[in-house]
Amino acid sequence: MEQGDEGLRDRALVIAESFRPHLERRISGWLARMGPIKDRAADTPLTKDFCVAASCGLIEALKAGLPEVSWRIAGGPFREQSGGMLDMAGDRKGHFWPEGILTDGRRIIVDVTADQFGHAPLIAEYAPDPRYLNALPEDWKDEDVSSEAERGFGRLIVEDMEFADQLSPFEGKPRSISNG
């Protein structure tokens, strides 16, 4: 690991930690408005099926806090793609997460919805990580993800946080995060 790597990973984790409560509040509100959802057990992790929305919002926060990193959505499967995340039983599940590409080509995974597969709710690790398999090509762009990033649920989370105004790109630490 090169000098400064832990600092970058730690900064990404601070951003993820700041983002997660806003994500949980948005998901809880949405689920409350939807009422009971067929086939969603009471003990289902809150983040189940919200990885794309969460990733789109988290990327915006990561761009504000770590502008020196190039961010994109990674994951799979999505329409016939292989990839995703290993759950605790060792089965690969469809999943998406933000991936940062550093100037030297190394990659960092930042995930705020891994708990839906039995992992920690917040992960910031350098790739490769055996739990993750990105099957999306470098230039992959999907209409659903583009729409989500621009005006969807993920964007609402970032607006809740007013993240760009609350992060210092030099320190990568939240100045203040309102819970209102």
Protein backbone atom coordinates (compact mmCIF):
# COMPACT_ATOMS: atom_id res chain seq x y z
CA MET A 1 0.00 0.00 0.00
CA GLU A 2 1.37 3.41 -0.93
CA GLN A 3 1.71 6.42 1.35
CA GLY A 4 -1.60 8.24 1.72
CA ASP A 5 -3.70 5.20 0.83
CA GLU A 6 -5.09 4.75 4.33
CA GLY A 7 -5.95 8.45 4.41
CA LEU A 8 -7.95 8.17 1.20
CA ARG A 9 -9.71 5.03 2.38
CA ASP A 10 -10.46 6.67 5.72
CA ARG A 11 -11.81 9.79 3.99
CA ALA A 12 -14.09 7.62 1.84
CA LEU A 13 -15.31 5.85 4.97
CA VAL A 14 -16.08 9.19 6.68
CA ILE A 15 -18.19 10.18 3.68
CA ALA A 16 -19.99 6.81 3.71
CA GLU A 17 -20.63 7.14 7.46
CA SER A 18 -22.13 10.59 6.94
CA PHE A 19 -24.23 9.37 4.02
CA ARG A 20 -25.72 6.23 5.59
CA PRO A 21 -28.13 7.88 8.12
CA HIS A 22 -29.66 9.97 5.33
CA LEU A 23 -30.02 6.85 3.19
CA GLU A 24 -31.74 4.99 6.02
CA ARG A 25 -34.15 7.86 6.64
CA ARG A 26 -35.08 8.09 2.95
CA ILE A 27 -35.58 4.31 2.62
CA SER A 28 -37.67 4.16 5.81
CA GLY A 29 -39.88 6.99 4.58
CA TRP A 30 -40.35 5.38 1.19
CA LEU A 31 -41.18 1.98 2.70
CA ALA A 32 -43.67 3.60 5.11
CA ARG A 33 -45.46 5.31 2.21
CA MET A 34 -45.54 2.07 0.18
CA GLY A 35 -47.13 0.02 2.95
CA PRO A 36 -46.53 -3.72 3.21
CA ILE A 37 -44.47 -5.04 0.31
CA LYS A 38 -45.16 -8.57 -0.87
CA ASP A 39 -42.28 -10.96 -0.16
CA ARG A 40 -40.42 -8.46 2.07
CA ALA A 41 -40.05 -10.08 5.50
CA ALA A 42 -39.94 -7.96 8.64
CA ASP A 43 -36.29 -8.91 9.24
CA THR A 44 -35.22 -7.92 5.70
CA PRO A 45 -32.25 -5.53 5.83
CA LEU A 46 -33.42 -1.98 5.22
CA THR A 47 -31.04 -1.51 2.28
CA LYS A 48 -32.23 -4.57 0.31
CA ASP A 49 -32.77 -3.62 -3.33
CA PHE A 50 -31.59 -0.03 -2.86
CA CYS A 51 -27.99 -0.43 -4.03
CA VAL A 52 -28.37 1.47 -7.33
CA ALA A 53 -30.14 4.44 -5.72
CA ALA A 54 -27.68 4.49 -2.83
CA SER A 55 -24.70 4.25 -5.19
CA CYS A 56 -25.92 7.14 -7.33
CA GLY A 57 -26.32 9.36 -4.31
CA LEU A 58 -23.09 8.23 -2.67
CA ILE A 59 -21.11 8.94 -5.84
CA GLU A 60 -22.24 12.58 -5.67
CA ALA A 61 -21.04 12.81 -2.07
CA LEU A 62 -17.75 11.06 -2.94
CA LYS A 63 -17.14 13.44 -5.85
CA ALA A 64 -17.56 16.39 -3.49
CA GLY A 65 -15.31 14.94 -0.79
CA LEU A 66 -12.71 13.17 -2.94
CA PRO A 67 -12.53 15.13 -6.21
CA GLU A 68 -9.09 13.70 -7.00
CA VAL A 69 -10.70 10.28 -7.61
CA SER A 70 -12.72 9.33 -10.71
CA TRP A 71 -15.99 7.69 -9.56
CA ARG A 72 -18.30 5.28 -11.40
CA ILE A 73 -20.93 2.62 -10.73
CA ALA A 74 -19.55 -0.92 -10.62
CA GLY A 75 -21.32 -4.25 -10.18
CA GLY A 76 -23.60 -6.71 -11.86
CA PRO A 77 -25.60 -8.64 -12.87
CA PHE A 78 -27.67 -6.25 -14.83
CA ARG A 79 -29.46 -7.73 -17.80
CA GLU A 80 -27.41 -10.87 -18.47
CA GLN A 81 -24.21 -9.53 -16.81
CA SER A 82 -22.36 -11.68 -14.32
CA GLY A 83 -20.91 -10.07 -11.24
CA GLY A 84 -22.13 -8.56 -8.00
CA MET A 85 -21.32 -9.48 -4.40
CA LEU A 86 -20.85 -12.70 -2.49
CA ASP A 87 -23.33 -13.11 0.35
CA MET A 88 -22.33 -14.79 3.62
CA ALA A 89 -23.25 -18.22 2.19
CA GLY A 90 -20.84 -17.70 -0.72
CA ASP A 91 -23.53 -17.15 -3.36
CA ARG A 92 -23.04 -14.30 -5.84
CA LYS A 93 -25.91 -11.80 -5.79
CA GLY A 94 -26.68 -8.88 -8.07
CA HIS A 95 -25.26 -5.73 -6.51
CA PHE A 96 -23.95 -2.28 -7.41
CA TRP A 97 -21.54 0.06 -5.59
CA PRO A 98 -19.37 3.13 -6.24
CA GLU A 99 -15.86 2.40 -7.41
CA GLY A 100 -13.14 5.03 -7.45
CA ILE A 101 -10.34 4.90 -9.98
CA LEU A 102 -7.17 6.55 -8.72
CA THR A 103 -4.73 8.33 -11.01
CA ASP A 104 -2.33 5.37 -10.83
CA GLY A 105 -5.09 2.96 -11.95
CA ARG A 106 -5.82 1.39 -8.58
CA ARG A 107 -9.45 1.13 -7.51
CA ILE A 108 -11.34 1.65 -4.27
CA ILE A 109 -14.74 0.15 -3.45
CA VAL A 110 -17.12 2.15 -1.25
CA ASP A 111 -20.37 0.40 -0.32
CA VAL A 112 -23.19 1.50 1.99
CA THR A 113 -25.60 -1.37 1.27
CA ALA A 114 -23.48 -4.51 1.78
CA ASP A 115 -25.52 -5.33 4.89
CA GLN A 116 -28.26 -6.70 2.64
CA PHE A 117 -25.88 -9.64 2.07
CA GLY A 118 -24.84 -10.06 5.70
CA HIS A 119 -21.69 -7.91 5.51
CA ALA A 120 -20.90 -4.72 7.42
CA PRO A 121 -23.17 -1.81 6.46
CA LEU A 122 -20.17 0.34 5.46
CA ILE A 123 -17.23 -0.89 3.40
CA ALA A 124 -14.32 1.10 1.98
CA GLU A 125 -11.60 -1.21 0.65
CA TYR A 126 -9.09 -1.26 -2.15
CA ALA A 127 -9.83 -3.63 -5.03
CA PRO A 128 -9.56 -6.46 -5.59
CA ASP A 129 -11.81 -7.62 -2.79
CA PRO A 130 -12.97 -11.24 -3.21
CA ARG A 131 -16.53 -10.33 -2.17
CA TYR A 132 -16.95 -8.05 -5.19
CA LEU A 133 -16.98 -8.83 -8.91
CA ASN A 134 -17.45 -5.93 -11.28
CA ALA A 135 -18.83 -7.11 -14.60
CA LEU A 136 -19.56 -3.70 -16.12
CA PRO A 137 -17.31 -2.37 -18.88
CA GLU A 138 -15.40 0.88 -18.25
CA ASP A 139 -17.67 2.87 -20.57
CA TRP A 140 -20.92 1.29 -19.33
CA LYS A 141 -23.80 3.71 -19.04
CA ASP A 142 -27.35 2.63 -18.39
CA GLU A 143 -30.41 4.81 -18.77
CA ASP A 144 -31.82 3.66 -15.43
CA VAL A 145 -28.65 4.60 -13.56
CA SER A 146 -28.31 7.92 -15.38
CA SER A 147 -31.90 8.78 -14.53
CA GLU A 148 -31.43 7.75 -10.90
CA ALA A 149 -28.30 9.87 -10.56
CA GLU A 150 -29.89 12.96 -12.06
CA ARG A 151 -33.34 13.02 -10.51
CA GLY A 152 -34.05 9.81 -8.62
CA PHE A 153 -34.02 8.57 -5.06
CA GLY A 154 -30.22 8.77 -4.83
CA ARG A 155 -30.28 12.45 -5.75
CA LEU A 156 -32.85 13.12 -3.02
CA ILE A 157 -30.46 11.72 -0.42
CA VAL A 158 -27.72 14.08 -1.55
CA GLU A 159 -30.14 17.00 -1.45
CA ASP A 160 -31.10 16.00 2.11
CA MET A 161 -27.48 16.21 3.08
CA GLU A 162 -26.58 19.31 1.09
CA PHE A 163 -23.36 17.36 0.90
CA ALA A 164 -21.33 19.53 -1.45
CA ASP A 165 -21.60 22.47 0.95
CA GLN A 166 -20.80 20.37 4.02
CA LEU A 167 -17.65 18.56 2.95
CA SER A 168 -14.20 20.00 2.80
CA PRO A 169 -12.39 18.49 -0.21
CA PHE A 170 -9.12 18.97 1.65
CA GLU A 171 -10.02 17.16 4.85
CA GLY A 172 -12.75 14.79 3.65
CA LYS A 173 -14.56 15.22 6.94
CA PRO A 174 -18.10 16.47 7.38
CA ARG A 175 -18.31 19.98 8.80
CA SER A 176 -21.87 19.52 9.95
CA ILE A 177 -24.60 17.16 8.93
CA SER A 178 -28.11 18.13 9.89
CA ASN A 179 -30.47 15.34 10.80
CA GLY A 180 -33.55 17.38 10.07
